[in-house]
PDB file of all heavy atoms in Angstrom:
ATOM      1  N   VAL A   1     159.207  11.385  14.743  1.00  0.00           N
ATOM      2  CA  VAL A   1     159.968  10.167  14.626  1.00  0.00           C
ATOM      3  C   VAL A   1     159.874   9.333  15.870  1.00  0.00           C
ATOM      4  O   VAL A   1     159.558   8.143  15.860  1.00  0.00           O
ATOM      5  CB  VAL A   1     161.395  10.375  14.205  1.00  0.00           C
ATOM      6  CG1 VAL A   1     162.123   9.001  14.121  1.00  0.00           C
ATOM      7  CG2 VAL A   1     161.442  11.012  12.842  1.00  0.00           C
ATOM      8  N   ALA A   2     160.109  10.051  16.989  1.00  0.00           N
ATOM      9  CA  ALA A   2     160.041   9.276  18.262  1.00  0.00           C
ATOM     10  C   ALA A   2     158.733   8.731  18.573  1.00  0.00           C
ATOM     11  O   ALA A   2     158.475   7.587  19.085  1.00  0.00           O
ATOM     12  CB  ALA A   2     160.408  10.359  19.367  1.00  0.00           C
ATOM     13  N   ILE A   3     157.603   9.621  18.283  1.00  0.00           N
ATOM     14  CA  ILE A   3     156.312   9.196  18.505  1.00  0.00           C
ATOM     15  C   ILE A   3     155.964   7.893  17.569  1.00  0.00           C
ATOM     16  O   ILE A   3     155.358   6.891  18.099  1.00  0.00           O
ATOM     17  CB  ILE A   3     155.314  10.281  18.251  1.00  0.00           C
ATOM     18  CG1 ILE A   3     155.461  11.391  19.150  1.00  0.00           C
ATOM     19  CG2 ILE A   3     153.839   9.817  18.190  1.00  0.00           C
ATOM     20  CD1 ILE A   3     154.585  12.543  18.909  1.00  0.00           C
ATOM     21  N   PHE A   4     156.320   8.020  16.328  1.00  0.00           N
ATOM     22  CA  PHE A   4     156.180   6.823  15.408  1.00  0.00           C
ATOM     23  C   PHE A   4     156.822   5.550  16.008  1.00  0.00           C
ATOM     24  O   PHE A   4     156.299   4.466  15.955  1.00  0.00           O
ATOM     25  CB  PHE A   4     156.687   7.164  14.043  1.00  0.00           C
ATOM     26  CG  PHE A   4     156.591   6.082  13.035  1.00  0.00           C
ATOM     27  CD1 PHE A   4     155.328   5.684  12.506  1.00  0.00           C
ATOM     28  CD2 PHE A   4     157.677   5.303  12.833  1.00  0.00           C
ATOM     29  CE1 PHE A   4     155.324   4.631  11.646  1.00  0.00           C
ATOM     30  CE2 PHE A   4     157.736   4.231  11.905  1.00  0.00           C
ATOM     31  CZ  PHE A   4     156.463   3.903  11.306  1.00  0.00           C
ATOM     32  N   VAL A   5     158.108   5.729  16.321  1.00  0.00           N
ATOM     33  CA  VAL A   5     158.874   4.645  16.911  1.00  0.00           C
ATOM     34  C   VAL A   5     158.226   3.932  18.228  1.00  0.00           C
ATOM     35  O   VAL A   5     157.973   2.735  18.352  1.00  0.00           O
ATOM     36  CB  VAL A   5     160.309   4.895  17.201  1.00  0.00           C
ATOM     37  CG1 VAL A   5     161.009   3.737  17.992  1.00  0.00           C
ATOM     38  CG2 VAL A   5     161.001   5.235  15.930  1.00  0.00           C
ATOM     39  N   PHE A   6     157.618   4.932  19.064  1.00  0.00           N
ATOM     40  CA  PHE A   6     157.092   4.389  20.117  1.00  0.00           C
ATOM     41  C   PHE A   6     155.774   3.775  19.951  1.00  0.00           C
ATOM     42  O   PHE A   6     155.383   2.605  20.458  1.00  0.00           O
ATOM     43  CB  PHE A   6     156.701   5.695  21.082  1.00  0.00           C
ATOM     44  CG  PHE A   6     155.802   5.314  22.269  1.00  0.00           C
ATOM     45  CD1 PHE A   6     156.437   4.755  23.392  1.00  0.00           C
ATOM     46  CD2 PHE A   6     154.507   5.667  22.359  1.00  0.00           C
ATOM     47  CE1 PHE A   6     155.703   4.381  24.473  1.00  0.00           C
ATOM     48  CE2 PHE A   6     153.711   5.405  23.528  1.00  0.00           C
ATOM     49  CZ  PHE A   6     154.315   4.803  24.614  1.00  0.00           C
ATOM     50  N   LEU A   7     154.996   4.209  18.973  1.00  0.00           N
ATOM     51  CA  LEU A   7     153.674   3.567  18.668  1.00  0.00           C
ATOM     52  C   LEU A   7     154.011   2.305  17.960  1.00  0.00           C
ATOM     53  O   LEU A   7     153.183   1.321  18.233  1.00  0.00           O
ATOM     54  CB  LEU A   7     152.870   4.520  17.611  1.00  0.00           C
ATOM     55  CG  LEU A   7     152.348   5.808  18.246  1.00  0.00           C
ATOM     56  CD1 LEU A   7     151.707   6.634  17.097  1.00  0.00           C
ATOM     57  CD2 LEU A   7     151.272   5.375  19.330  1.00  0.00           C
ATOM     58  N   LEU A   8     155.037   2.182  17.137  1.00  0.00           N
ATOM     59  CA  LEU A   8     155.459   0.830  16.534  1.00  0.00           C
ATOM     60  C   LEU A   8     155.807  -0.206  17.501  1.00  0.00           C
ATOM     61  O   LEU A   8     155.424  -1.354  17.459  1.00  0.00           O
ATOM     62  CB  LEU A   8     156.513   1.146  15.439  1.00  0.00           C
ATOM     63  CG  LEU A   8     156.911   0.010  14.484  1.00  0.00           C
ATOM     64  CD1 LEU A   8     155.671  -0.170  13.574  1.00  0.00           C
ATOM     65  CD2 LEU A   8     158.059   0.433  13.740  1.00  0.00           C
ATOM     66  N   LEU A   9     156.461   0.283  18.576  1.00  0.00           N
ATOM     67  CA  LEU A   9     156.851  -0.584  19.670  1.00  0.00           C
ATOM     68  C   LEU A   9     155.799  -1.136  20.479  1.00  0.00           C
ATOM     69  O   LEU A   9     155.683  -2.267  20.668  1.00  0.00           O
ATOM     70  CB  LEU A   9     158.005   0.040  20.515  1.00  0.00           C
ATOM     71  CG  LEU A   9     159.365   0.243  20.001  1.00  0.00           C
ATOM     72  CD1 LEU A   9     160.257   1.123  20.907  1.00  0.00           C
ATOM     73  CD2 LEU A   9     160.106  -1.139  19.709  1.00  0.00           C
ATOM     74  N   CYS A  10     154.770  -0.281  20.627  1.00  0.00           N
ATOM     75  CA  CYS A  10     153.585  -0.632  21.415  1.00  0.00           C
ATOM     76  C   CYS A  10     152.838  -1.637  20.532  1.00  0.00           C
ATOM     77  O   CYS A  10     152.310  -2.582  21.177  1.00  0.00           O
ATOM     78  CB  CYS A  10     152.771   0.646  21.715  1.00  0.00           C
ATOM     79  SG  CYS A  10     153.467   1.708  22.929  1.00  0.00           S
ATOM     80  N   LEU A  11     152.705  -1.439  19.345  1.00  0.00           N
ATOM     81  CA  LEU A  11     151.960  -2.290  18.365  1.00  0.00           C
ATOM     82  C   LEU A  11     152.661  -3.693  18.384  1.00  0.00           C
ATOM     83  O   LEU A  11     152.014  -4.738  18.518  1.00  0.00           O
ATOM     84  CB  LEU A  11     152.007  -1.793  17.036  1.00  0.00           C
ATOM     85  CG  LEU A  11     151.155  -2.581  15.866  1.00  0.00           C
ATOM     86  CD1 LEU A  11     149.668  -2.630  16.362  1.00  0.00           C
ATOM     87  CD2 LEU A  11     151.332  -1.945  14.550  1.00  0.00           C
ATOM     88  N   TRP A  12     154.003  -3.690  18.278  1.00  0.00           N
ATOM     89  CA  TRP A  12     154.827  -4.925  18.312  1.00  0.00           C
ATOM     90  C   TRP A  12     154.511  -5.667  19.607  1.00  0.00           C
ATOM     91  O   TRP A  12     154.281  -6.851  19.737  1.00  0.00           O
ATOM     92  CB  TRP A  12     156.248  -4.599  18.015  1.00  0.00           C
ATOM     93  CG  TRP A  12     157.057  -5.904  18.015  1.00  0.00           C
ATOM     94  CD1 TRP A  12     157.430  -6.500  16.847  1.00  0.00           C
ATOM     95  CD2 TRP A  12     157.727  -6.673  19.132  1.00  0.00           C
ATOM     96  NE1 TRP A  12     158.289  -7.667  17.216  1.00  0.00           N
ATOM     97  CE2 TRP A  12     158.385  -7.699  18.496  1.00  0.00           C
ATOM     98  CE3 TRP A  12     157.712  -6.303  20.514  1.00  0.00           C
ATOM     99  CZ2 TRP A  12     159.159  -8.643  19.307  1.00  0.00           C
ATOM    100  CZ3 TRP A  12     158.461  -7.306  21.383  1.00  0.00           C
ATOM    101  CH2 TRP A  12     159.156  -8.388  20.618  1.00  0.00           C
ATOM    102  N   ALA A  13     154.653  -4.979  20.728  1.00  0.00           N
ATOM    103  CA  ALA A  13     154.494  -5.595  22.053  1.00  0.00           C
ATOM    104  C   ALA A  13     153.179  -6.173  22.262  1.00  0.00           C
ATOM    105  O   ALA A  13     152.974  -7.259  22.747  1.00  0.00           O
ATOM    106  CB  ALA A  13     154.705  -4.517  23.127  1.00  0.00           C
ATOM    107  N   GLY A  14     152.131  -5.469  21.744  1.00  0.00           N
ATOM    108  CA  GLY A  14     150.726  -5.995  21.932  1.00  0.00           C
ATOM    109  C   GLY A  14     150.671  -7.234  21.039  1.00  0.00           C
ATOM    110  O   GLY A  14     149.984  -8.146  21.457  1.00  0.00           O
ATOM    111  N   GLY A  15     151.160  -7.217  19.896  1.00  0.00           N
ATOM    112  CA  GLY A  15     151.032  -8.409  19.013  1.00  0.00           C
ATOM    113  C   GLY A  15     151.795  -9.643  19.671  1.00  0.00           C
ATOM    114  O   GLY A  15     151.366 -10.711  19.508  1.00  0.00           O
ATOM    115  N   PHE A  16     153.006  -9.321  20.111  1.00  0.00           N
ATOM    116  CA  PHE A  16     153.828 -10.299  20.630  1.00  0.00           C
ATOM    117  C   PHE A  16     153.230 -11.013  21.889  1.00  0.00           C
ATOM    118  O   PHE A  16     153.238 -12.225  21.983  1.00  0.00           O
ATOM    119  CB  PHE A  16     155.192  -9.661  21.065  1.00  0.00           C
ATOM    120  CG  PHE A  16     156.158 -10.635  21.768  1.00  0.00           C
ATOM    121  CD1 PHE A  16     156.705 -11.643  21.092  1.00  0.00           C
ATOM    122  CD2 PHE A  16     156.318 -10.534  23.080  1.00  0.00           C
ATOM    123  CE1 PHE A  16     157.504 -12.586  21.730  1.00  0.00           C
ATOM    124  CE2 PHE A  16     157.261 -11.368  23.766  1.00  0.00           C
ATOM    125  CZ  PHE A  16     157.893 -12.430  23.017  1.00  0.00           C
ATOM    126  N   LEU A  17     152.547 -10.192  22.851  1.00  0.00           N
ATOM    127  CA  LEU A  17     151.875 -10.756  24.000  1.00  0.00           C
ATOM    128  C   LEU A  17     150.797 -11.544  23.687  1.00  0.00           C
ATOM    129  O   LEU A  17     150.485 -12.586  24.196  1.00  0.00           O
ATOM    130  CB  LEU A  17     151.526  -9.566  24.899  1.00  0.00           C
ATOM    131  CG  LEU A  17     152.677  -8.865  25.672  1.00  0.00           C
ATOM    132  CD1 LEU A  17     152.090  -7.697  26.395  1.00  0.00           C
ATOM    133  CD2 LEU A  17     153.449  -9.805  26.587  1.00  0.00           C
ATOM    134  N   SER A  18     150.058 -11.154  22.533  1.00  0.00           N
ATOM    135  CA  SER A  18     148.855 -11.977  22.023  1.00  0.00           C
ATOM    136  C   SER A  18     149.326 -13.255  21.551  1.00  0.00           C
ATOM    137  O   SER A  18     148.782 -14.348  21.751  1.00  0.00           O
ATOM    138  CB  SER A  18     148.130 -11.177  20.978  1.00  0.00           C
ATOM    139  OG  SER A  18     147.078 -11.924  20.443  1.00  0.00           O
ATOM    140  N   TYR A  19     150.467 -13.219  20.851  1.00  0.00           N
ATOM    141  CA  TYR A  19     151.096 -14.394  20.138  1.00  0.00           C
ATOM    142  C   TYR A  19     151.544 -15.361  21.329  1.00  0.00           C
ATOM    143  O   TYR A  19     151.324 -16.565  21.225  1.00  0.00           O
ATOM    144  CB  TYR A  19     152.224 -13.912  19.452  1.00  0.00           C
ATOM    145  CG  TYR A  19     153.254 -15.066  18.877  1.00  0.00           C
ATOM    146  CD1 TYR A  19     152.918 -15.805  17.809  1.00  0.00           C
ATOM    147  CD2 TYR A  19     154.552 -15.207  19.603  1.00  0.00           C
ATOM    148  CE1 TYR A  19     153.815 -16.903  17.383  1.00  0.00           C
ATOM    149  CE2 TYR A  19     155.247 -16.205  19.155  1.00  0.00           C
ATOM    150  CZ  TYR A  19     155.089 -16.883  18.010  1.00  0.00           C
ATOM    151  OH  TYR A  19     156.046 -17.928  17.654  1.00  0.00           O
ATOM    152  N   MET A  20     152.161 -14.713  22.367  1.00  0.00           N
ATOM    153  CA  MET A  20     152.662 -15.753  23.450  1.00  0.00           C
ATOM    154  C   MET A  20     151.392 -16.332  24.205  1.00  0.00           C
ATOM    155  O   MET A  20     151.574 -17.505  24.631  1.00  0.00           O
ATOM    156  CB  MET A  20     153.494 -14.901  24.399  1.00  0.00           C
ATOM    157  CG  MET A  20     154.907 -14.501  23.902  1.00  0.00           C
ATOM    158  SD  MET A  20     155.800 -15.891  23.043  1.00  0.00           S
ATOM    159  CE  MET A  20     155.972 -16.956  24.522  1.00  0.00           C
ATOM    160  N   ALA A  21     150.369 -15.633  24.314  1.00  0.00           N
ATOM    161  CA  ALA A  21     149.159 -16.197  24.924  1.00  0.00           C
ATOM    162  C   ALA A  21     148.683 -17.307  24.157  1.00  0.00           C
ATOM    163  O   ALA A  21     148.124 -18.360  24.679  1.00  0.00           O
ATOM    164  CB  ALA A  21     148.095 -15.084  25.236  1.00  0.00           C
ATOM    165  N   GLN A  22     148.651 -17.082  22.792  1.00  0.00           N
ATOM    166  CA  GLN A  22     148.187 -18.163  21.862  1.00  0.00           C
ATOM    167  C   GLN A  22     149.047 -19.361  21.989  1.00  0.00           C
ATOM    168  O   GLN A  22     148.478 -20.553  22.033  1.00  0.00           O
ATOM    169  CB  GLN A  22     148.207 -17.739  20.489  1.00  0.00           C
ATOM    170  CG  GLN A  22     147.782 -18.626  19.342  1.00  0.00           C
ATOM    171  CD  GLN A  22     147.918 -18.084  17.979  1.00  0.00           C
ATOM    172  OE1 GLN A  22     148.209 -16.958  17.742  1.00  0.00           O
ATOM    173  NE2 GLN A  22     147.819 -18.998  16.993  1.00  0.00           N
ATOM    174  N   VAL A  23     150.350 -19.342  21.878  1.00  0.00           N
ATOM    175  CA  VAL A  23     151.148 -20.403  21.900  1.00  0.00           C
ATOM    176  C   VAL A  23     151.272 -21.103  23.263  1.00  0.00           C
ATOM    177  O   VAL A  23     151.790 -22.200  23.295  1.00  0.00           O
ATOM    178  CB  VAL A  23     152.680 -20.157  21.480  1.00  0.00           C
ATOM    179  CG1 VAL A  23     152.596 -19.550  20.085  1.00  0.00           C
ATOM    180  CG2 VAL A  23     153.304 -19.161  22.350  1.00  0.00           C
ATOM    181  N   GLY A  24     150.782 -20.492  24.256  1.00  0.00           N
ATOM    182  CA  GLY A  24     150.745 -21.161  25.667  1.00  0.00           C
ATOM    183  C   GLY A  24     149.609 -22.110  25.857  1.00  0.00           C
ATOM    184  O   GLY A  24     149.579 -22.805  26.920  1.00  0.00           O
ATOM    185  N   ASN A  25     148.597 -22.147  24.912  1.00  0.00           N
ATOM    186  CA  ASN A  25     147.416 -22.917  25.033  1.00  0.00           C
ATOM    187  C   ASN A  25     147.819 -24.322  24.792  1.00  0.00           C
ATOM    188  O   ASN A  25     148.569 -24.764  23.994  1.00  0.00           O
ATOM    189  CB  ASN A  25     146.287 -22.543  24.174  1.00  0.00           C
ATOM    190  CG  ASN A  25     145.818 -21.141  24.360  1.00  0.00           C
ATOM    191  OD1 ASN A  25     145.797 -20.655  25.507  1.00  0.00           O
ATOM    192  ND2 ASN A  25     145.392 -20.464  23.377  1.00  0.00           N
ATOM    193  N   PRO A  26     147.302 -25.357  25.606  1.00  0.00           N
ATOM    194  CA  PRO A  26     147.468 -26.761  25.401  1.00  0.00           C
ATOM    195  C   PRO A  26     146.858 -27.267  24.045  1.00  0.00           C
ATOM    196  O   PRO A  26     145.938 -26.516  23.590  1.00  0.00           O
ATOM    197  CB  PRO A  26     146.811 -27.433  26.643  1.00  0.00           C
ATOM    198  CG  PRO A  26     145.657 -26.471  27.037  1.00  0.00           C
ATOM    199  CD  PRO A  26     146.238 -25.092  26.723  1.00  0.00           C
ATOM    200  N   PRO A  27     147.331 -28.309  23.562  1.00  0.00           N
ATOM    201  CA  PRO A  27     146.746 -28.824  22.265  1.00  0.00           C
ATOM    202  C   PRO A  27     145.402 -29.275  22.426  1.00  0.00           C
ATOM    203  O   PRO A  27     145.021 -29.935  23.524  1.00  0.00           O
ATOM    204  CB  PRO A  27     147.806 -29.927  21.903  1.00  0.00           C
ATOM    205  CG  PRO A  27     148.413 -30.360  23.118  1.00  0.00           C
ATOM    206  CD  PRO A  27     148.518 -29.103  23.985  1.00  0.00           C
ATOM    207  N   GLU A  28     144.528 -29.130  21.431  1.00  0.00           N
ATOM    208  CA  GLU A  28     143.161 -29.589  21.496  1.00  0.00           C
ATOM    209  C   GLU A  28     143.123 -31.083  21.069  1.00  0.00           C
ATOM    210  O   GLU A  28     143.952 -31.497  20.262  1.00  0.00           O
ATOM    211  CB  GLU A  28     142.223 -28.798  20.566  1.00  0.00           C
ATOM    212  CG  GLU A  28     142.155 -27.265  20.860  1.00  0.00           C
ATOM    213  CD  GLU A  28     141.194 -26.620  19.980  1.00  0.00           C
ATOM    214  OE1 GLU A  28     140.674 -27.247  19.200  1.00  0.00           O
ATOM    215  OE2 GLU A  28     141.039 -25.393  20.181  1.00  0.00           O
ATOM    216  N   GLU A  29     142.192 -31.738  21.605  1.00  0.00           N
ATOM    217  CA  GLU A  29     142.091 -33.238  21.291  1.00  0.00           C
ATOM    218  C   GLU A  29     141.616 -33.396  19.768  1.00  0.00           C
ATOM    219  O   GLU A  29     140.645 -32.656  19.457  1.00  0.00           O
ATOM    220  CB  GLU A  29     141.082 -33.958  22.171  1.00  0.00           C
ATOM    221  CG  GLU A  29     140.971 -35.331  21.894  1.00  0.00           C
ATOM    222  CD  GLU A  29     139.958 -36.159  22.893  1.00  0.00           C
ATOM    223  OE1 GLU A  29     139.431 -35.412  23.686  1.00  0.00           O
ATOM    224  OE2 GLU A  29     139.762 -37.238  22.769  1.00  0.00           O
ATOM    225  N   ILE A  30     142.298 -34.347  19.203  1.00  0.00           N
ATOM    226  CA  ILE A  30     142.003 -34.489  17.661  1.00  0.00           C
ATOM    227  C   ILE A  30     141.015 -35.612  17.612  1.00  0.00           C
ATOM    228  O   ILE A  30     141.410 -36.838  17.931  1.00  0.00           O
ATOM    229  CB  ILE A  30     143.194 -34.664  16.791  1.00  0.00           C
ATOM    230  CG1 ILE A  30     144.094 -33.528  16.952  1.00  0.00           C
ATOM    231  CG2 ILE A  30     142.875 -35.036  15.449  1.00  0.00           C
ATOM    232  CD1 ILE A  30     145.523 -33.647  16.180  1.00  0.00           C
ATOM    233  N   THR A  31     139.752 -35.423  17.307  1.00  0.00           N
ATOM    234  CA  THR A  31     138.816 -36.382  17.138  1.00  0.00           C
ATOM    235  C   THR A  31     138.559 -36.818  15.705  1.00  0.00           C
ATOM    236  O   THR A  31     137.957 -37.871  15.399  1.00  0.00           O
ATOM    237  CB  THR A  31     137.522 -36.007  17.881  1.00  0.00           C
ATOM    238  OG1 THR A  31     136.969 -34.743  17.111  1.00  0.00           O
ATOM    239  CG2 THR A  31     137.768 -35.631  19.263  1.00  0.00           C
ATOM    240  N   THR A  32     138.965 -36.121  14.738  1.00  0.00           N
ATOM    241  CA  THR A  32     138.858 -36.383  13.255  1.00  0.00           C
ATOM    242  C   THR A  32     139.826 -37.413  12.866  1.00  0.00           C
ATOM    243  O   THR A  32     140.973 -37.583  13.299  1.00  0.00           O
ATOM    244  CB  THR A  32     139.036 -35.172  12.454  1.00  0.00           C
ATOM    245  OG1 THR A  32     138.102 -34.010  12.874  1.00  0.00           O
ATOM    246  CG2 THR A  32     138.808 -35.443  10.974  1.00  0.00           C
ATOM    247  N   GLU A  33     139.310 -38.376  11.957  1.00  0.00           N
ATOM    248  CA  GLU A  33     140.261 -39.391  11.469  1.00  0.00           C
ATOM    249  C   GLU A  33     141.312 -38.758  10.521  1.00  0.00           C
ATOM    250  O   GLU A  33     140.883 -38.020   9.659  1.00  0.00           O
ATOM    251  CB  GLU A  33     139.432 -40.431  10.722  1.00  0.00           C
ATOM    252  CG  GLU A  33     140.206 -41.561  10.180  1.00  0.00           C
ATOM    253  CD  GLU A  33     139.381 -42.618   9.394  1.00  0.00           C
ATOM    254  OE1 GLU A  33     138.155 -42.529   9.481  1.00  0.00           O
ATOM    255  OE2 GLU A  33     139.907 -43.530   8.749  1.00  0.00           O
TER     256      GLU A  33
END
């Protein structure tokens, strides 16, 4: 159970850090009408 919880937390942390890197990007210029 402890191993499962640890792996789940690692998976969550990895996804969360990837998410924060994504939302930290500046907006792209919109050239489409």
